[in-house]
Amino acid sequence: MSKLLAPKRAAGVDNTARRTWDREEYRLKAEEKEKAAKAKDGDDEDREETAAEIRRRKRLERDPLHQGMIVERSLLRQRDYQVDLTSRLGKTQVVGFNTPLNQQAGWFCNVCNCVLRDSQSYLDHINGKWHNRALGMSMRVEKSSLEQVKNKFDELKSRKSPPPEDYVPDGFDAAASAEAKEREEKREKKRRKAAEAAAGGAGSGNSAGEAEGGDADPDMMALMGFGGFGTSKK
């Protein structure tokens, strides 16, 4: 009974020395794995590339680091040009099968040689990782020092606010504002012409009435009840 209740002893483990490996065994395994990979690559030569593999290959072809053009990626820098998103708004374009990629509808990226169909996708692309990698930059930004922050504040303070006539509220385009202003000027010009024409017609009618009143007989006009029409005398 006591033997059944007694705890079992754990099997002995030799953990007093470093574990040794059979180098020859693992060398053979590595050779077999390398042969299998080479055989797979040979079979894949006849296979067509998938879309993901094509994108990966093109990204490596555009990457200056993988092409050996740079040794290290630079930090992320601010763009020194204005992004054009409104120059083609409201325009009609005919697109065919033979239209070059940079002339198709949408926004063309000449760095990555691709077309984005809307402005939001274009902004996401040029701010993304793969586009900046193709430019030789990483997604890390430089840490600004205290002196740089002070200089930036001074630069912003020195900038003059835009004059009221050049300020366009609510993000409207300046061209649209100028067009609306021109339309308002045309309406005002038409209103002035109409007012002048109406005033000229009323003046000519009064002068005609005065001429008729001057030529009529005063006694006849008095008999007809127009005694005070052409003169102030009673």
C-alpha atoms as a PDB file:
ATOM      1  CA  MET A   1       0.000   0.000   0.000  1.00  0.00           C
ATOM      2  CA  SER A   2       2.840   2.333   0.886  1.00  0.00           C
ATOM      3  CA  LYS A   3       4.545   1.594  -2.439  1.00  0.00           C
ATOM      4  CA  LEU A   4       1.445   2.661  -4.398  1.00  0.00           C
ATOM      5  CA  LEU A   5       1.157   5.995  -2.563  1.00  0.00           C
ATOM      6  CA  ALA A   6       4.839   6.863  -2.822  1.00  0.00           C
ATOM      7  CA  PRO A   7       5.687   9.555  -5.458  1.00  0.00           C
ATOM      8  CA  LYS A   8       7.451   8.485  -8.618  1.00  0.00           C
ATOM      9  CA  ARG A   9      11.017   9.653  -9.166  1.00  0.00           C
ATOM     10  CA  ALA A  10      11.646  11.866 -12.176  1.00  0.00           C
ATOM     11  CA  ALA A  11      13.872  10.529 -14.861  1.00  0.00           C
ATOM     12  CA  GLY A  12      17.400  11.826 -14.633  1.00  0.00           C
ATOM     13  CA  VAL A  13      18.403  14.652 -17.013  1.00  0.00           C
ATOM     14  CA  ASP A  14      22.028  15.421 -17.770  1.00  0.00           C
ATOM     15  CA  ASN A  15      22.080  19.242 -17.738  1.00  0.00           C
ATOM     16  CA  THR A  16      25.514  19.668 -16.294  1.00  0.00           C
ATOM     17  CA  ALA A  17      27.296  20.195 -19.649  1.00  0.00           C
ATOM     18  CA  ARG A  18      26.666  22.116 -22.904  1.00  0.00           C
ATOM     19  CA  ARG A  19      24.587  20.343 -25.487  1.00  0.00           C
ATOM     20  CA  THR A  20      26.544  19.070 -28.474  1.00  0.00           C
ATOM     21  CA  TRP A  21      25.326  19.011 -32.063  1.00  0.00           C
ATOM     22  CA  ASP A  22      26.069  16.645 -34.890  1.00  0.00           C
ATOM     23  CA  ARG A  23      27.564  19.080 -37.424  1.00  0.00           C
ATOM     24  CA  GLU A  24      27.705  16.516 -40.214  1.00  0.00           C
ATOM     25  CA  GLU A  25      24.018  15.717 -39.890  1.00  0.00           C
ATOM     26  CA  TYR A  26      22.954  19.356 -40.102  1.00  0.00           C
ATOM     27  CA  ARG A  27      25.360  20.027 -42.968  1.00  0.00           C
ATOM     28  CA  LEU A  28      23.655  17.281 -44.986  1.00  0.00           C
ATOM     29  CA  LYS A  29      20.247  18.713 -44.121  1.00  0.00           C
ATOM     30  CA  ALA A  30      21.327  22.177 -45.308  1.00  0.00           C
ATOM     31  CA  GLU A  31      22.653  20.742 -48.594  1.00  0.00           C
ATOM     32  CA  GLU A  32      19.389  18.886 -49.205  1.00  0.00           C
ATOM     33  CA  LYS A  33      17.400  22.046 -48.492  1.00  0.00           C
ATOM     34  CA  GLU A  34      19.563  24.056 -50.892  1.00  0.00           C
ATOM     35  CA  LYS A  35      19.151  21.455 -53.632  1.00  0.00           C
ATOM     36  CA  ALA A  36      15.379  21.474 -53.173  1.00  0.00           C
ATOM     37  CA  ALA A  37      15.314  25.296 -53.421  1.00  0.00           C
ATOM     38  CA  LYS A  38      17.389  25.222 -56.628  1.00  0.00           C
ATOM     39  CA  ALA A  39      15.121  22.595 -58.126  1.00  0.00           C
ATOM     40  CA  LYS A  40      12.090  24.710 -57.233  1.00  0.00           C
ATOM     41  CA  ASP A  41      13.641  27.787 -58.833  1.00  0.00           C
ATOM     42  CA  GLY A  42      14.290  25.786 -61.992  1.00  0.00           C
ATOM     43  CA  ASP A  43      10.659  24.714 -62.112  1.00  0.00           C
ATOM     44  CA  ASP A  44       9.509  28.289 -61.486  1.00  0.00           C
ATOM     45  CA  GLU A  45      11.312  29.638 -64.558  1.00  0.00           C
ATOM     46  CA  ASP A  46       8.507  28.401 -66.777  1.00  0.00           C
ATOM     47  CA  ARG A  47       5.824  29.736 -64.410  1.00  0.00           C
ATOM     48  CA  GLU A  48       4.382  33.231 -64.887  1.00  0.00           C
ATOM     49  CA  GLU A  49       4.913  35.795 -62.158  1.00  0.00           C
ATOM     50  CA  THR A  50       2.012  36.722 -59.954  1.00  0.00           C
ATOM     51  CA  ALA A  51       0.876  40.319 -59.525  1.00  0.00           C
ATOM     52  CA  ALA A  52       2.462  40.512 -56.075  1.00  0.00           C
ATOM     53  CA  GLU A  53       5.787  39.193 -57.385  1.00  0.00           C
ATOM     54  CA  ILE A  54       5.750  41.721 -60.243  1.00  0.00           C
ATOM     55  CA  ARG A  55       5.108  44.590 -57.830  1.00  0.00           C
ATOM     56  CA  ARG A  56       7.891  43.380 -55.532  1.00  0.00           C
ATOM     57  CA  ARG A  57      10.360  43.105 -58.426  1.00  0.00           C
ATOM     58  CA  LYS A  58       9.511  46.587 -59.734  1.00  0.00           C
ATOM     59  CA  ARG A  59       9.879  48.083 -56.279  1.00  0.00           C
ATOM     60  CA  LEU A  60      13.355  46.603 -55.953  1.00  0.00           C
ATOM     61  CA  GLU A  61      14.245  47.887 -59.423  1.00  0.00           C
ATOM     62  CA  ARG A  62      13.221  51.424 -58.421  1.00  0.00           C
ATOM     63  CA  ASP A  63      14.877  51.289 -54.997  1.00  0.00           C
ATOM     64  CA  PRO A  64      18.246  53.114 -55.179  1.00  0.00           C
ATOM     65  CA  LEU A  65      19.497  51.250 -52.107  1.00  0.00           C
ATOM     66  CA  HIS A  66      19.018  47.834 -53.729  1.00  0.00           C
ATOM     67  CA  GLN A  67      20.481  49.122 -56.989  1.00  0.00           C
ATOM     68  CA  GLY A  68      23.655  50.247 -55.202  1.00  0.00           C
ATOM     69  CA  MET A  69      23.130  53.950 -55.976  1.00  0.00           C
ATOM     70  CA  ILE A  70      23.144  54.928 -52.280  1.00  0.00           C
ATOM     71  CA  VAL A  71      24.712  53.384 -49.213  1.00  0.00           C
ATOM     72  CA  GLU A  72      22.113  54.470 -46.661  1.00  0.00           C
ATOM     73  CA  ARG A  73      18.631  55.960 -46.811  1.00  0.00           C
ATOM     74  CA  SER A  74      18.319  59.612 -45.846  1.00  0.00           C
ATOM     75  CA  LEU A  75      15.814  60.976 -43.348  1.00  0.00           C
ATOM     76  CA  LEU A  76      12.383  62.040 -44.503  1.00  0.00           C
ATOM     77  CA  ARG A  77      12.449  65.567 -45.959  1.00  0.00           C
ATOM     78  CA  GLN A  78       9.753  68.106 -46.699  1.00  0.00           C
ATOM     79  CA  ARG A  79       8.661  68.519 -50.325  1.00  0.00           C
ATOM     80  CA  ASP A  80      10.133  71.561 -52.071  1.00  0.00           C
ATOM     81  CA  TYR A  81       7.347  71.772 -54.680  1.00  0.00           C
ATOM     82  CA  GLN A  82       3.605  72.435 -54.676  1.00  0.00           C
ATOM     83  CA  VAL A  83       1.358  69.430 -55.292  1.00  0.00           C
ATOM     84  CA  ASP A  84      -0.959  70.184 -58.224  1.00  0.00           C
ATOM     85  CA  LEU A  85      -4.453  68.792 -57.652  1.00  0.00           C
ATOM     86  CA  THR A  86      -6.706  71.342 -59.386  1.00  0.00           C
ATOM     87  CA  SER A  87      -5.170  72.126 -62.795  1.00  0.00           C
ATOM     88  CA  ARG A  88      -7.223  69.453 -64.593  1.00  0.00           C
ATOM     89  CA  LEU A  89     -10.541  69.985 -62.823  1.00  0.00           C
ATOM     90  CA  GLY A  90     -13.503  70.596 -65.124  1.00  0.00           C
ATOM     91  CA  LYS A  91     -11.637  69.472 -68.247  1.00  0.00           C
ATOM     92  CA  THR A  92     -12.699  66.777 -70.709  1.00  0.00           C
ATOM     93  CA  GLN A  93     -10.148  64.227 -71.903  1.00  0.00           C
ATOM     94  CA  VAL A  94     -10.415  61.421 -74.444  1.00  0.00           C
ATOM     95  CA  VAL A  95      -8.599  58.262 -73.334  1.00  0.00           C
ATOM     96  CA  GLY A  96      -7.969  55.316 -75.647  1.00  0.00           C
ATOM     97  CA  PHE A  97      -6.162  51.995 -75.528  1.00  0.00           C
ATOM     98  CA  ASN A  98      -2.973  53.512 -76.960  1.00  0.00           C
ATOM     99  CA  THR A  99      -2.918  56.562 -74.683  1.00  0.00           C
ATOM    100  CA  PRO A 100       0.418  56.829 -72.834  1.00  0.00           C
ATOM    101  CA  LEU A 101       0.320  56.193 -69.128  1.00  0.00           C
ATOM    102  CA  ASN A 102       1.292  59.761 -68.222  1.00  0.00           C
ATOM    103  CA  GLN A 103      -1.606  61.159 -70.298  1.00  0.00           C
ATOM    104  CA  GLN A 104      -4.371  58.962 -68.931  1.00  0.00           C
ATOM    105  CA  ALA A 105      -7.127  60.178 -66.636  1.00  0.00           C
ATOM    106  CA  GLY A 106      -5.940  60.588 -63.070  1.00  0.00           C
ATOM    107  CA  TRP A 107      -2.730  61.639 -61.359  1.00  0.00           C
ATOM    108  CA  PHE A 108       0.536  60.226 -62.743  1.00  0.00           C
ATOM    109  CA  CYS A 109       3.569  59.509 -60.545  1.00  0.00           C
ATOM    110  CA  ASN A 110       6.731  59.719 -62.658  1.00  0.00           C
ATOM    111  CA  VAL A 111       8.833  58.189 -59.868  1.00  0.00           C
ATOM    112  CA  CYS A 112       6.857  54.957 -59.582  1.00  0.00           C
ATOM    113  CA  ASN A 113       5.428  55.079 -63.143  1.00  0.00           C
ATOM    114  CA  CYS A 114       1.825  54.559 -62.064  1.00  0.00           C
ATOM    115  CA  VAL A 115      -1.529  56.362 -62.326  1.00  0.00           C
ATOM    116  CA  LEU A 116      -3.799  57.083 -59.346  1.00  0.00           C
ATOM    117  CA  ARG A 117      -7.482  57.612 -60.150  1.00  0.00           C
ATOM    118  CA  ASP A 118      -8.369  60.131 -57.436  1.00  0.00           C
ATOM    119  CA  SER A 119      -6.588  62.863 -55.500  1.00  0.00           C
ATOM    120  CA  GLN A 120      -6.848  61.097 -52.128  1.00  0.00           C
ATOM    121  CA  SER A 121      -5.118  57.981 -53.483  1.00  0.00           C
ATOM    122  CA  TYR A 122      -2.440  60.175 -55.065  1.00  0.00           C
ATOM    123  CA  LEU A 123      -1.724  61.944 -51.769  1.00  0.00           C
ATOM    124  CA  ASP A 124      -1.613  58.616 -49.923  1.00  0.00           C
ATOM    125  CA  HIS A 125       0.829  57.316 -52.535  1.00  0.00           C
ATOM    126  CA  ILE A 126       3.302  60.219 -52.493  1.00  0.00           C
ATOM    127  CA  ASN A 127       3.240  60.208 -48.687  1.00  0.00           C
ATOM    128  CA  GLY A 128       3.632  56.436 -48.487  1.00  0.00           C
ATOM    129  CA  LYS A 129       6.584  54.188 -47.761  1.00  0.00           C
ATOM    130  CA  TRP A 130       7.294  52.782 -51.222  1.00  0.00           C
ATOM    131  CA  HIS A 131       7.298  56.166 -52.987  1.00  0.00           C
ATOM    132  CA  ASN A 132       9.695  57.668 -50.458  1.00  0.00           C
ATOM    133  CA  ARG A 133      11.899  54.589 -50.602  1.00  0.00           C
ATOM    134  CA  ALA A 134      12.154  55.050 -54.364  1.00  0.00           C
ATOM    135  CA  LEU A 135      13.371  58.593 -53.618  1.00  0.00           C
ATOM    136  CA  GLY A 136      16.046  57.199 -51.307  1.00  0.00           C
ATOM    137  CA  MET A 137      14.366  58.238 -48.053  1.00  0.00           C
ATOM    138  CA  SER A 138      13.195  56.336 -45.027  1.00  0.00           C
ATOM    139  CA  MET A 139      10.044  57.148 -43.051  1.00  0.00           C
ATOM    140  CA  ARG A 140      12.061  58.506 -40.120  1.00  0.00           C
ATOM    141  CA  VAL A 141      12.128  62.253 -39.587  1.00  0.00           C
ATOM    142  CA  GLU A 142      14.923  64.364 -38.212  1.00  0.00           C
ATOM    143  CA  LYS A 143      14.602  65.479 -34.603  1.00  0.00           C
ATOM    144  CA  SER A 144      14.513  69.265 -34.450  1.00  0.00           C
ATOM    145  CA  SER A 145      16.677  71.112 -31.976  1.00  0.00           C
ATOM    146  CA  LEU A 146      15.526  73.974 -29.768  1.00  0.00           C
ATOM    147  CA  GLU A 147      17.287  76.503 -31.983  1.00  0.00           C
ATOM    148  CA  GLN A 148      15.519  75.207 -35.096  1.00  0.00           C
ATOM    149  CA  VAL A 149      12.125  75.481 -33.372  1.00  0.00           C
ATOM    150  CA  LYS A 150      12.870  79.092 -32.336  1.00  0.00           C
ATOM    151  CA  ASN A 151      13.938  79.988 -35.876  1.00  0.00           C
ATOM    152  CA  LYS A 152      10.741  78.446 -37.268  1.00  0.00           C
ATOM    153  CA  PHE A 153       8.621  80.511 -34.878  1.00  0.00           C
ATOM    154  CA  ASP A 154      10.472  83.680 -35.901  1.00  0.00           C
ATOM    155  CA  GLU A 155       9.927  82.841 -39.567  1.00  0.00           C
ATOM    156  CA  LEU A 156       6.190  82.358 -39.050  1.00  0.00           C
ATOM    157  CA  LYS A 157       5.927  85.612 -37.108  1.00  0.00           C
ATOM    158  CA  SER A 158       7.717  87.530 -39.859  1.00  0.00           C
ATOM    159  CA  ARG A 159       5.303  86.333 -42.520  1.00  0.00           C
ATOM    160  CA  LYS A 160       2.709  88.913 -43.440  1.00  0.00           C
ATOM    161  CA  SER A 161      -0.948  87.963 -43.448  1.00  0.00           C
ATOM    162  CA  PRO A 162      -2.556  87.971 -46.923  1.00  0.00           C
ATOM    163  CA  PRO A 163      -4.426  91.155 -47.894  1.00  0.00           C
ATOM    164  CA  PRO A 164      -8.233  90.978 -47.638  1.00  0.00           C
ATOM    165  CA  GLU A 165      -8.731  91.180 -51.409  1.00  0.00           C
ATOM    166  CA  ASP A 166      -6.479  88.168 -51.982  1.00  0.00           C
ATOM    167  CA  TYR A 167      -7.980  86.071 -49.165  1.00  0.00           C
ATOM    168  CA  VAL A 168     -10.346  83.367 -50.405  1.00  0.00           C
ATOM    169  CA  PRO A 169     -12.537  81.912 -47.604  1.00  0.00           C
ATOM    170  CA  ASP A 170     -13.639  78.294 -47.240  1.00  0.00           C
ATOM    171  CA  GLY A 171     -10.888  76.985 -49.501  1.00  0.00           C
ATOM    172  CA  PHE A 172     -12.454  78.194 -52.788  1.00  0.00           C
ATOM    173  CA  ASP A 173     -10.183  78.501 -55.758  1.00  0.00           C
ATOM    174  CA  ALA A 174      -9.026  82.019 -56.671  1.00  0.00           C
ATOM    175  CA  ALA A 175     -10.106  81.500 -60.280  1.00  0.00           C
ATOM    176  CA  ALA A 176     -13.661  80.675 -59.185  1.00  0.00           C
ATOM    177  CA  SER A 177     -13.733  83.785 -56.993  1.00  0.00           C
ATOM    178  CA  ALA A 178     -12.523  85.967 -59.873  1.00  0.00           C
ATOM    179  CA  GLU A 179     -15.154  84.478 -62.165  1.00  0.00           C
ATOM    180  CA  ALA A 180     -17.919  85.184 -59.656  1.00  0.00           C
ATOM    181  CA  LYS A 181     -16.667  88.753 -59.275  1.00  0.00           C
ATOM    182  CA  GLU A 182     -16.702  89.228 -63.048  1.00  0.00           C
ATOM    183  CA  ARG A 183     -20.273  87.929 -63.259  1.00  0.00           C
ATOM    184  CA  GLU A 184     -21.363  90.370 -60.543  1.00  0.00           C
ATOM    185  CA  GLU A 185     -19.739  93.264 -62.416  1.00  0.00           C
ATOM    186  CA  LYS A 186     -21.603  92.310 -65.601  1.00  0.00           C
ATOM    187  CA  ARG A 187     -24.918  92.224 -63.710  1.00  0.00           C
ATOM    188  CA  GLU A 188     -24.218  95.635 -62.181  1.00  0.00           C
ATOM    189  CA  LYS A 189     -23.392  97.059 -65.605  1.00  0.00           C
ATOM    190  CA  LYS A 190     -26.671  95.739 -67.035  1.00  0.00           C
ATOM    191  CA  ARG A 191     -28.617  97.243 -64.119  1.00  0.00           C
ATOM    192  CA  ARG A 192     -26.976 100.647 -64.669  1.00  0.00           C
ATOM    193  CA  LYS A 193     -27.806 100.548 -68.391  1.00  0.00           C
ATOM    194  CA  ALA A 194     -31.435  99.644 -67.660  1.00  0.00           C
ATOM    195  CA  ALA A 195     -31.718 102.475 -65.109  1.00  0.00           C
ATOM    196  CA  GLU A 196     -30.226 104.974 -67.559  1.00  0.00           C
ATOM    197  CA  ALA A 197     -32.595 103.828 -70.322  1.00  0.00           C
ATOM    198  CA  ALA A 198     -35.592 104.174 -68.010  1.00  0.00           C
ATOM    199  CA  ALA A 199     -34.503 107.636 -66.904  1.00  0.00           C
ATOM    200  CA  GLY A 200     -33.960 108.726 -70.521  1.00  0.00           C
ATOM    201  CA  GLY A 201     -37.450 107.522 -71.534  1.00  0.00           C
ATOM    202  CA  ALA A 202     -39.114 109.400 -68.677  1.00  0.00           C
ATOM    203  CA  GLY A 203     -37.227 112.586 -69.520  1.00  0.00           C
ATOM    204  CA  SER A 204     -38.194 112.469 -73.196  1.00  0.00           C
ATOM    205  CA  GLY A 205     -41.876 111.934 -72.239  1.00  0.00           C
ATOM    206  CA  ASN A 206     -41.875 115.000 -69.983  1.00  0.00           C
ATOM    207  CA  SER A 207     -40.245 117.162 -72.612  1.00  0.00           C
ATOM    208  CA  ALA A 208     -42.853 116.058 -75.189  1.00  0.00           C
ATOM    209  CA  GLY A 209     -45.677 116.868 -72.781  1.00  0.00           C
ATOM    210  CA  GLU A 210     -44.216 120.270 -72.095  1.00  0.00           C
ATOM    211  CA  ALA A 211     -43.899 120.958 -75.835  1.00  0.00           C
ATOM    212  CA  GLU A 212     -47.540 119.972 -76.401  1.00  0.00           C
ATOM    213  CA  GLY A 213     -48.658 122.110 -73.511  1.00  0.00           C
ATOM    214  CA  GLY A 214     -46.759 125.102 -74.859  1.00  0.00           C
ATOM    215  CA  ASP A 215     -48.337 124.861 -78.341  1.00  0.00           C
ATOM    216  CA  ALA A 216     -52.012 124.431 -77.073  1.00  0.00           C
ATOM    217  CA  ASP A 217     -54.462 127.313 -76.567  1.00  0.00           C
ATOM    218  CA  PRO A 218     -54.696 128.281 -72.857  1.00  0.00           C
ATOM    219  CA  ASP A 219     -58.468 128.998 -73.085  1.00  0.00           C
ATOM    220  CA  MET A 220     -59.148 125.622 -74.643  1.00  0.00           C
ATOM    221  CA  MET A 221     -57.032 123.903 -72.011  1.00  0.00           C
ATOM    222  CA  ALA A 222     -58.986 125.736 -69.287  1.00  0.00           C
ATOM    223  CA  LEU A 223     -62.303 124.592 -70.745  1.00  0.00           C
ATOM    224  CA  MET A 224     -61.031 121.011 -70.859  1.00  0.00           C
ATOM    225  CA  GLY A 225     -59.889 121.112 -67.229  1.00  0.00           C
ATOM    226  CA  PHE A 226     -56.146 121.402 -67.907  1.00  0.00           C
ATOM    227  CA  GLY A 227     -55.738 124.893 -66.662  1.00  0.00           C
ATOM    228  CA  GLY A 228     -52.667 124.105 -64.541  1.00  0.00           C
ATOM    229  CA  PHE A 229     -51.011 121.575 -66.894  1.00  0.00           C
ATOM    230  CA  GLY A 230     -48.524 123.668 -68.811  1.00  0.00           C
ATOM    231  CA  THR A 231     -48.103 126.636 -66.468  1.00  0.00           C
ATOM    232  CA  SER A 232     -48.143 127.489 -62.818  1.00  0.00           C
ATOM    233  CA  LYS A 233     -50.539 130.389 -63.360  1.00  0.00           C
ATOM    234  CA  LYS A 234     -54.205 129.943 -62.419  1.00  0.00           C
END
